Amino acid sequence: VREALGEVGVSGLTVTEVKGFGRQ
């Protein structure tokens, strides 16, 4: 995902480790 965003011109991002659930 980081590489794909870089390819479309996104120069910065924030990443956080989280926990959760949805339909799983």
mmCIF file of all heavy atoms, coordinates in Angstrom:
data_MODEL
# 
_entry.id   MODEL 
# 
loop_
_atom_site.group_PDB 
_atom_site.id 
_atom_site.type_symbol 
_atom_site.label_atom_id 
_atom_site.label_alt_id 
_atom_site.label_comp_id 
_atom_site.label_asym_id 
_atom_site.label_entity_id 
_atom_site.label_seq_id 
_atom_site.pdbx_PDB_ins_code 
_atom_site.Cartn_x 
_atom_site.Cartn_y 
_atom_site.Cartn_z 
_atom_site.occupancy 
_atom_site.B_iso_or_equiv 
_atom_site.pdbx_formal_charge 
_atom_site.auth_seq_id 
_atom_site.auth_comp_id 
_atom_site.auth_asym_id 
_atom_site.auth_atom_id 
_atom_site.pdbx_PDB_model_num 
ATOM 1   N N   . VAL A 1 1  ? 0.838   -1.203  0.000  1.00 0.00 ? 1  VAL A N   1 
ATOM 2   C CA  . VAL A 1 1  ? 0.000   0.000   0.000  1.00 0.00 ? 1  VAL A CA  1 
ATOM 3   C C   . VAL A 1 1  ? 0.868   1.247   0.000  1.00 0.00 ? 1  VAL A C   1 
ATOM 4   O O   . VAL A 1 1  ? 0.603   2.207   -0.731 1.00 0.00 ? 1  VAL A O   1 
ATOM 5   C CB  . VAL A 1 1  ? -0.973  -0.014  1.203  1.00 0.00 ? 1  VAL A CB  1 
ATOM 6   C CG1 . VAL A 1 1  ? -1.654  1.334   1.374  1.00 0.00 ? 1  VAL A CG1 1 
ATOM 7   C CG2 . VAL A 1 1  ? -1.998  -1.126  1.032  1.00 0.00 ? 1  VAL A CG2 1 
ATOM 8   N N   . ARG A 1 2  ? 1.924   1.254   0.787  1.00 0.00 ? 2  ARG A N   1 
ATOM 9   C CA  . ARG A 1 2  ? 2.824   2.414   0.829  1.00 0.00 ? 2  ARG A CA  1 
ATOM 10  C C   . ARG A 1 2  ? 3.428   2.674   -0.550 1.00 0.00 ? 2  ARG A C   1 
ATOM 11  O O   . ARG A 1 2  ? 3.469   3.813   -1.015 1.00 0.00 ? 2  ARG A O   1 
ATOM 12  C CB  . ARG A 1 2  ? 3.938   2.193   1.852  1.00 0.00 ? 2  ARG A CB  1 
ATOM 13  C CG  . ARG A 1 2  ? 4.823   3.430   2.054  1.00 0.00 ? 2  ARG A CG  1 
ATOM 14  C CD  . ARG A 1 2  ? 6.055   3.115   2.860  1.00 0.00 ? 2  ARG A CD  1 
ATOM 15  N NE  . ARG A 1 2  ? 6.945   2.194   2.188  1.00 0.00 ? 2  ARG A NE  1 
ATOM 16  C CZ  . ARG A 1 2  ? 7.782   2.542   1.194  1.00 0.00 ? 2  ARG A CZ  1 
ATOM 17  N NH1 . ARG A 1 2  ? 7.831   3.781   0.760  1.00 0.00 ? 2  ARG A NH1 1 
ATOM 18  N NH2 . ARG A 1 2  ? 8.571   1.641   0.638  1.00 0.00 ? 2  ARG A NH2 1 
ATOM 19  N N   . GLU A 1 3  ? 3.883   1.620   -1.211 1.00 0.00 ? 3  GLU A N   1 
ATOM 20  C CA  . GLU A 1 3  ? 4.464   1.766   -2.541 1.00 0.00 ? 3  GLU A CA  1 
ATOM 21  C C   . GLU A 1 3  ? 3.426   2.255   -3.554 1.00 0.00 ? 3  GLU A C   1 
ATOM 22  O O   . GLU A 1 3  ? 3.712   3.113   -4.385 1.00 0.00 ? 3  GLU A O   1 
ATOM 23  C CB  . GLU A 1 3  ? 5.072   0.445   -3.008 1.00 0.00 ? 3  GLU A CB  1 
ATOM 24  C CG  . GLU A 1 3  ? 6.332   0.069   -2.253 1.00 0.00 ? 3  GLU A CG  1 
ATOM 25  C CD  . GLU A 1 3  ? 6.857   -1.317  -2.616 1.00 0.00 ? 3  GLU A CD  1 
ATOM 26  O OE1 . GLU A 1 3  ? 6.289   -1.963  -3.537 1.00 0.00 ? 3  GLU A OE1 1 
ATOM 27  O OE2 . GLU A 1 3  ? 7.819   -1.760  -1.968 1.00 0.00 ? 3  GLU A OE2 1 
ATOM 28  N N   . ALA A 1 4  ? 2.218   1.714   -3.479 1.00 0.00 ? 4  ALA A N   1 
ATOM 29  C CA  . ALA A 1 4  ? 1.151   2.116   -4.406 1.00 0.00 ? 4  ALA A CA  1 
ATOM 30  C C   . ALA A 1 4  ? 0.784   3.588   -4.216 1.00 0.00 ? 4  ALA A C   1 
ATOM 31  O O   . ALA A 1 4  ? 0.575   4.316   -5.198 1.00 0.00 ? 4  ALA A O   1 
ATOM 32  C CB  . ALA A 1 4  ? -0.075  1.238   -4.204 1.00 0.00 ? 4  ALA A CB  1 
ATOM 33  N N   . LEU A 1 5  ? 0.740   4.044   -2.979 1.00 0.00 ? 5  LEU A N   1 
ATOM 34  C CA  . LEU A 1 5  ? 0.442   5.452   -2.721 1.00 0.00 ? 5  LEU A CA  1 
ATOM 35  C C   . LEU A 1 5  ? 1.566   6.354   -3.223 1.00 0.00 ? 5  LEU A C   1 
ATOM 36  O O   . LEU A 1 5  ? 1.318   7.429   -3.771 1.00 0.00 ? 5  LEU A O   1 
ATOM 37  C CB  . LEU A 1 5  ? 0.187   5.679   -1.229 1.00 0.00 ? 5  LEU A CB  1 
ATOM 38  C CG  . LEU A 1 5  ? -1.133  5.133   -0.696 1.00 0.00 ? 5  LEU A CG  1 
ATOM 39  C CD1 . LEU A 1 5  ? -1.176  5.223   0.824  1.00 0.00 ? 5  LEU A CD1 1 
ATOM 40  C CD2 . LEU A 1 5  ? -2.303  5.871   -1.314 1.00 0.00 ? 5  LEU A CD2 1 
ATOM 41  N N   . GLY A 1 6  ? 2.784   5.913   -3.056 1.00 0.00 ? 6  GLY A N   1 
ATOM 42  C CA  . GLY A 1 6  ? 3.919   6.677   -3.574 1.00 0.00 ? 6  GLY A CA  1 
ATOM 43  C C   . GLY A 1 6  ? 3.860   6.826   -5.077 1.00 0.00 ? 6  GLY A C   1 
ATOM 44  O O   . GLY A 1 6  ? 4.191   7.880   -5.625 1.00 0.00 ? 6  GLY A O   1 
ATOM 45  N N   . GLU A 1 7  ? 3.413   5.778   -5.767 1.00 0.00 ? 7  GLU A N   1 
ATOM 46  C CA  . GLU A 1 7  ? 3.317   5.821   -7.227 1.00 0.00 ? 7  GLU A CA  1 
ATOM 47  C C   . GLU A 1 7  ? 2.262   6.794   -7.724 1.00 0.00 ? 7  GLU A C   1 
ATOM 48  O O   . GLU A 1 7  ? 2.363   7.307   -8.837 1.00 0.00 ? 7  GLU A O   1 
ATOM 49  C CB  . GLU A 1 7  ? 3.028   4.424   -7.773 1.00 0.00 ? 7  GLU A CB  1 
ATOM 50  C CG  . GLU A 1 7  ? 4.212   3.482   -7.658 1.00 0.00 ? 7  GLU A CG  1 
ATOM 51  C CD  . GLU A 1 7  ? 3.888   2.056   -8.066 1.00 0.00 ? 7  GLU A CD  1 
ATOM 52  O OE1 . GLU A 1 7  ? 2.776   1.817   -8.616 1.00 0.00 ? 7  GLU A OE1 1 
ATOM 53  O OE2 . GLU A 1 7  ? 4.724   1.167   -7.824 1.00 0.00 ? 7  GLU A OE2 1 
ATOM 54  N N   . VAL A 1 8  ? 1.224   7.073   -6.907 1.00 0.00 ? 8  VAL A N   1 
ATOM 55  C CA  . VAL A 1 8  ? 0.200   8.030   -7.329 1.00 0.00 ? 8  VAL A CA  1 
ATOM 56  C C   . VAL A 1 8  ? 0.458   9.433   -6.768 1.00 0.00 ? 8  VAL A C   1 
ATOM 57  O O   . VAL A 1 8  ? -0.385  10.317  -6.869 1.00 0.00 ? 8  VAL A O   1 
ATOM 58  C CB  . VAL A 1 8  ? -1.231  7.566   -6.963 1.00 0.00 ? 8  VAL A CB  1 
ATOM 59  C CG1 . VAL A 1 8  ? -1.598  6.310   -7.718 1.00 0.00 ? 8  VAL A CG1 1 
ATOM 60  C CG2 . VAL A 1 8  ? -1.412  7.401   -5.472 1.00 0.00 ? 8  VAL A CG2 1 
ATOM 61  N N   . GLY A 1 9  ? 1.636   9.627   -6.174 1.00 0.00 ? 9  GLY A N   1 
ATOM 62  C CA  . GLY A 1 9  ? 2.039   10.966  -5.769 1.00 0.00 ? 9  GLY A CA  1 
ATOM 63  C C   . GLY A 1 9  ? 1.818   11.339  -4.326 1.00 0.00 ? 9  GLY A C   1 
ATOM 64  O O   . GLY A 1 9  ? 1.991   12.501  -3.959 1.00 0.00 ? 9  GLY A O   1 
ATOM 65  N N   . VAL A 1 10 ? 1.441   10.394  -3.482 1.00 0.00 ? 10 VAL A N   1 
ATOM 66  C CA  . VAL A 1 10 ? 1.266   10.701  -2.056 1.00 0.00 ? 10 VAL A CA  1 
ATOM 67  C C   . VAL A 1 10 ? 2.650   10.786  -1.425 1.00 0.00 ? 10 VAL A C   1 
ATOM 68  O O   . VAL A 1 10 ? 3.425   9.841   -1.477 1.00 0.00 ? 10 VAL A O   1 
ATOM 69  C CB  . VAL A 1 10 ? 0.403   9.619   -1.358 1.00 0.00 ? 10 VAL A CB  1 
ATOM 70  C CG1 . VAL A 1 10 ? 0.365   9.859   0.148  1.00 0.00 ? 10 VAL A CG1 1 
ATOM 71  C CG2 . VAL A 1 10 ? -0.986  9.602   -1.937 1.00 0.00 ? 10 VAL A CG2 1 
ATOM 72  N N   . SER A 1 11 ? 2.950   11.941  -0.821 1.00 0.00 ? 11 SER A N   1 
ATOM 73  C CA  . SER A 1 11 ? 4.300   12.163  -0.313 1.00 0.00 ? 11 SER A CA  1 
ATOM 74  C C   . SER A 1 11 ? 4.458   11.842  1.169  1.00 0.00 ? 11 SER A C   1 
ATOM 75  O O   . SER A 1 11 ? 5.571   11.713  1.656  1.00 0.00 ? 11 SER A O   1 
ATOM 76  C CB  . SER A 1 11 ? 4.714   13.614  -0.563 1.00 0.00 ? 11 SER A CB  1 
ATOM 77  O OG  . SER A 1 11 ? 3.808   14.492  0.083  1.00 0.00 ? 11 SER A OG  1 
ATOM 78  N N   . GLY A 1 12 ? 3.369   11.717  1.895  1.00 0.00 ? 12 GLY A N   1 
ATOM 79  C CA  . GLY A 1 12 ? 3.485   11.412  3.319  1.00 0.00 ? 12 GLY A CA  1 
ATOM 80  C C   . GLY A 1 12 ? 2.269   10.664  3.814  1.00 0.00 ? 12 GLY A C   1 
ATOM 81  O O   . GLY A 1 12 ? 1.176   10.810  3.278  1.00 0.00 ? 12 GLY A O   1 
ATOM 82  N N   . LEU A 1 13 ? 2.477   9.857   4.832  1.00 0.00 ? 13 LEU A N   1 
ATOM 83  C CA  . LEU A 1 13 ? 1.360   9.116   5.418  1.00 0.00 ? 13 LEU A CA  1 
ATOM 84  C C   . LEU A 1 13 ? 1.656   8.812   6.865  1.00 0.00 ? 13 LEU A C   1 
ATOM 85  O O   . LEU A 1 13 ? 2.800   8.891   7.311  1.00 0.00 ? 13 LEU A O   1 
ATOM 86  C CB  . LEU A 1 13 ? 1.066   7.835   4.632  1.00 0.00 ? 13 LEU A CB  1 
ATOM 87  C CG  . LEU A 1 13 ? 2.195   6.822   4.400  1.00 0.00 ? 13 LEU A CG  1 
ATOM 88  C CD1 . LEU A 1 13 ? 2.289   5.827   5.540  1.00 0.00 ? 13 LEU A CD1 1 
ATOM 89  C CD2 . LEU A 1 13 ? 1.917   6.075   3.116  1.00 0.00 ? 13 LEU A CD2 1 
ATOM 90  N N   . THR A 1 14 ? 0.609   8.479   7.585  1.00 0.00 ? 14 THR A N   1 
ATOM 91  C CA  . THR A 1 14 ? 0.730   8.094   8.983  1.00 0.00 ? 14 THR A CA  1 
ATOM 92  C C   . THR A 1 14 ? 0.234   6.665   9.125  1.00 0.00 ? 14 THR A C   1 
ATOM 93  O O   . THR A 1 14 ? -0.802  6.309   8.569  1.00 0.00 ? 14 THR A O   1 
ATOM 94  C CB  . THR A 1 14 ? -0.112  9.019   9.887  1.00 0.00 ? 14 THR A CB  1 
ATOM 95  O OG1 . THR A 1 14 ? 0.348   10.356  9.723  1.00 0.00 ? 14 THR A OG1 1 
ATOM 96  C CG2 . THR A 1 14 ? 0.010   8.623   11.352 1.00 0.00 ? 14 THR A CG2 1 
ATOM 97  N N   . VAL A 1 15 ? 0.984   5.843   9.861  1.00 0.00 ? 15 VAL A N   1 
ATOM 98  C CA  . VAL A 1 15 ? 0.627   4.447   10.051 1.00 0.00 ? 15 VAL A CA  1 
ATOM 99  C C   . VAL A 1 15 ? 0.491   4.174   11.545 1.00 0.00 ? 15 VAL A C   1 
ATOM 100 O O   . VAL A 1 15 ? 1.353   4.569   12.330 1.00 0.00 ? 15 VAL A O   1 
ATOM 101 C CB  . VAL A 1 15 ? 1.696   3.508   9.445  1.00 0.00 ? 15 VAL A CB  1 
ATOM 102 C CG1 . VAL A 1 15 ? 1.372   2.061   9.738  1.00 0.00 ? 15 VAL A CG1 1 
ATOM 103 C CG2 . VAL A 1 15 ? 1.820   3.747   7.954  1.00 0.00 ? 15 VAL A CG2 1 
ATOM 104 N N   . THR A 1 16 ? -0.592  3.499   11.913 1.00 0.00 ? 16 THR A N   1 
ATOM 105 C CA  . THR A 1 16 ? -0.836  3.150   13.304 1.00 0.00 ? 16 THR A CA  1 
ATOM 106 C C   . THR A 1 16 ? -1.219  1.680   13.379 1.00 0.00 ? 16 THR A C   1 
ATOM 107 O O   . THR A 1 16 ? -2.030  1.218   12.570 1.00 0.00 ? 16 THR A O   1 
ATOM 108 C CB  . THR A 1 16 ? -2.004  3.986   13.885 1.00 0.00 ? 16 THR A CB  1 
ATOM 109 O OG1 . THR A 1 16 ? -1.790  5.369   13.606 1.00 0.00 ? 16 THR A OG1 1 
ATOM 110 C CG2 . THR A 1 16 ? -2.124  3.787   15.377 1.00 0.00 ? 16 THR A CG2 1 
ATOM 111 N N   . GLU A 1 17 ? -0.636  0.955   14.319 1.00 0.00 ? 17 GLU A N   1 
ATOM 112 C CA  . GLU A 1 17 ? -1.056  -0.426  14.549 1.00 0.00 ? 17 GLU A CA  1 
ATOM 113 C C   . GLU A 1 17 ? -2.318  -0.387  15.396 1.00 0.00 ? 17 GLU A C   1 
ATOM 114 O O   . GLU A 1 17 ? -2.338  0.239   16.454 1.00 0.00 ? 17 GLU A O   1 
ATOM 115 C CB  . GLU A 1 17 ? 0.044   -1.209  15.260 1.00 0.00 ? 17 GLU A CB  1 
ATOM 116 C CG  . GLU A 1 17 ? 1.264   -1.434  14.397 1.00 0.00 ? 17 GLU A CG  1 
ATOM 117 C CD  . GLU A 1 17 ? 2.347   -2.237  15.102 1.00 0.00 ? 17 GLU A CD  1 
ATOM 118 O OE1 . GLU A 1 17 ? 2.068   -2.786  16.196 1.00 0.00 ? 17 GLU A OE1 1 
ATOM 119 O OE2 . GLU A 1 17 ? 3.447   -2.317  14.565 1.00 0.00 ? 17 GLU A OE2 1 
ATOM 120 N N   . VAL A 1 18 ? -3.373  -1.047  14.916 1.00 0.00 ? 18 VAL A N   1 
ATOM 121 C CA  . VAL A 1 18 ? -4.649  -1.033  15.611 1.00 0.00 ? 18 VAL A CA  1 
ATOM 122 C C   . VAL A 1 18 ? -5.187  -2.464  15.721 1.00 0.00 ? 18 VAL A C   1 
ATOM 123 O O   . VAL A 1 18 ? -4.662  -3.384  15.096 1.00 0.00 ? 18 VAL A O   1 
ATOM 124 C CB  . VAL A 1 18 ? -5.679  -0.136  14.884 1.00 0.00 ? 18 VAL A CB  1 
ATOM 125 C CG1 . VAL A 1 18 ? -5.239  1.311   14.904 1.00 0.00 ? 18 VAL A CG1 1 
ATOM 126 C CG2 . VAL A 1 18 ? -5.915  -0.606  13.461 1.00 0.00 ? 18 VAL A CG2 1 
ATOM 127 N N   . LYS A 1 19 ? -6.228  -2.619  16.509 1.00 0.00 ? 19 LYS A N   1 
ATOM 128 C CA  . LYS A 1 19 ? -6.922  -3.905  16.612 1.00 0.00 ? 19 LYS A CA  1 
ATOM 129 C C   . LYS A 1 19 ? -8.404  -3.650  16.440 1.00 0.00 ? 19 LYS A C   1 
ATOM 130 O O   . LYS A 1 19 ? -8.916  -2.609  16.857 1.00 0.00 ? 19 LYS A O   1 
ATOM 131 C CB  . LYS A 1 19 ? -6.668  -4.558  17.976 1.00 0.00 ? 19 LYS A CB  1 
ATOM 132 C CG  . LYS A 1 19 ? -5.254  -5.011  18.162 1.00 0.00 ? 19 LYS A CG  1 
ATOM 133 C CD  . LYS A 1 19 ? -5.091  -5.713  19.480 1.00 0.00 ? 19 LYS A CD  1 
ATOM 134 C CE  . LYS A 1 19 ? -3.647  -6.178  19.630 1.00 0.00 ? 19 LYS A CE  1 
ATOM 135 N NZ  . LYS A 1 19 ? -3.483  -7.062  20.762 1.00 0.00 ? 19 LYS A NZ  1 
ATOM 136 N N   . GLY A 1 20 ? -9.101  -4.604  15.827 1.00 0.00 ? 20 GLY A N   1 
ATOM 137 C CA  . GLY A 1 20 ? -10.534 -4.449  15.649 1.00 0.00 ? 20 GLY A CA  1 
ATOM 138 C C   . GLY A 1 20 ? -11.128 -5.666  15.001 1.00 0.00 ? 20 GLY A C   1 
ATOM 139 O O   . GLY A 1 20 ? -10.449 -6.662  14.756 1.00 0.00 ? 20 GLY A O   1 
ATOM 140 N N   . PHE A 1 21 ? -12.434 -5.581  14.731 1.00 0.00 ? 21 PHE A N   1 
ATOM 141 C CA  . PHE A 1 21 ? -13.091 -6.651  14.004 1.00 0.00 ? 21 PHE A CA  1 
ATOM 142 C C   . PHE A 1 21 ? -14.296 -6.087  13.284 1.00 0.00 ? 21 PHE A C   1 
ATOM 143 O O   . PHE A 1 21 ? -14.852 -5.064  13.668 1.00 0.00 ? 21 PHE A O   1 
ATOM 144 C CB  . PHE A 1 21 ? -13.495 -7.809  14.917 1.00 0.00 ? 21 PHE A CB  1 
ATOM 145 C CG  . PHE A 1 21 ? -14.608 -7.478  15.869 1.00 0.00 ? 21 PHE A CG  1 
ATOM 146 C CD1 . PHE A 1 21 ? -15.924 -7.694  15.512 1.00 0.00 ? 21 PHE A CD1 1 
ATOM 147 C CD2 . PHE A 1 21 ? -14.334 -6.973  17.121 1.00 0.00 ? 21 PHE A CD2 1 
ATOM 148 C CE1 . PHE A 1 21 ? -16.954 -7.380  16.382 1.00 0.00 ? 21 PHE A CE1 1 
ATOM 149 C CE2 . PHE A 1 21 ? -15.349 -6.668  18.004 1.00 0.00 ? 21 PHE A CE2 1 
ATOM 150 C CZ  . PHE A 1 21 ? -16.671 -6.870  17.638 1.00 0.00 ? 21 PHE A CZ  1 
ATOM 151 N N   . GLY A 1 22 ? -14.661 -6.745  12.229 1.00 0.00 ? 22 GLY A N   1 
ATOM 152 C CA  . GLY A 1 22 ? -15.858 -6.412  11.475 1.00 0.00 ? 22 GLY A CA  1 
ATOM 153 C C   . GLY A 1 22 ? -16.660 -7.677  11.319 1.00 0.00 ? 22 GLY A C   1 
ATOM 154 O O   . GLY A 1 22 ? -16.992 -8.339  12.290 1.00 0.00 ? 22 GLY A O   1 
ATOM 155 N N   . ARG A 1 23 ? -16.864 -8.075  10.089 1.00 0.00 ? 23 ARG A N   1 
ATOM 156 C CA  . ARG A 1 23 ? -17.621 -9.297  9.834  1.00 0.00 ? 23 ARG A CA  1 
ATOM 157 C C   . ARG A 1 23 ? -16.841 -10.546 10.216 1.00 0.00 ? 23 ARG A C   1 
ATOM 158 O O   . ARG A 1 23 ? -17.410 -11.609 10.372 1.00 0.00 ? 23 ARG A O   1 
ATOM 159 C CB  . ARG A 1 23 ? -18.014 -9.363  8.366  1.00 0.00 ? 23 ARG A CB  1 
ATOM 160 C CG  . ARG A 1 23 ? -19.041 -8.326  8.019  1.00 0.00 ? 23 ARG A CG  1 
ATOM 161 C CD  . ARG A 1 23 ? -19.546 -8.508  6.626  1.00 0.00 ? 23 ARG A CD  1 
ATOM 162 N NE  . ARG A 1 23 ? -20.581 -7.527  6.360  1.00 0.00 ? 23 ARG A NE  1 
ATOM 163 C CZ  . ARG A 1 23 ? -20.910 -7.130  5.171  1.00 0.00 ? 23 ARG A CZ  1 
ATOM 164 N NH1 . ARG A 1 23 ? -20.302 -7.619  4.115  1.00 0.00 ? 23 ARG A NH1 1 
ATOM 165 N NH2 . ARG A 1 23 ? -21.855 -6.242  5.007  1.00 0.00 ? 23 ARG A NH2 1 
ATOM 166 N N   . GLN A 1 24 ? -15.523 -10.412 10.374 1.00 0.00 ? 24 GLN A N   1 
ATOM 167 C CA  . GLN A 1 24 ? -14.709 -11.567 10.755 1.00 0.00 ? 24 GLN A CA  1 
ATOM 168 C C   . GLN A 1 24 ? -15.102 -12.088 12.133 1.00 0.00 ? 24 GLN A C   1 
ATOM 169 O O   . GLN A 1 24 ? -15.003 -13.258 12.415 1.00 0.00 ? 24 GLN A O   1 
ATOM 170 C CB  . GLN A 1 24 ? -13.227 -11.196 10.785 1.00 0.00 ? 24 GLN A CB  1 
ATOM 171 C CG  . GLN A 1 24 ? -12.591 -11.128 9.425  1.00 0.00 ? 24 GLN A CG  1 
ATOM 172 C CD  . GLN A 1 24 ? -11.145 -10.723 9.563  1.00 0.00 ? 24 GLN A CD  1 
ATOM 173 O OE1 . GLN A 1 24 ? -10.864 -9.561  9.794  1.00 0.00 ? 24 GLN A OE1 1 
ATOM 174 N NE2 . GLN A 1 24 ? -10.251 -11.657 9.419  1.00 0.00 ? 24 GLN A NE2 1 
# 
